[in-house]
Amino acid sequence: MESDAEELDAHLKKLNARAAQAKMHLHELSEELPGSWEHVVTVAQRCYDAYAALTEARKAAWRKT
C-alpha cells in the first residue's frame, strides 16, 4: 500500500505529464497556424486547465508539508 506522500507524488507526476502534453499540443497547433486556427481556443483552454490543476495540486501538497 502506498503512503500518502507516495500517492501525492504519483498524482503530481500525472498532472505534470498531462500539463506537459497539453503544452506540446498547443505548441504543435501554433506551428500549424494559420491552418487549424479554429482549434486554438479549445486547445489553449485544455492547456490552461491542466496547468491550473497542477498549480492547485502543488499548493495543496505544499500546505500538507
Foldseek 3Di string as FASTA:
>chain_A
DDDPVVVLVVVLVVLVVQLVVLVVVLVVVVVVPPPPVVCNVVSVVSNVVSVVVNVVSVVVVVVVD
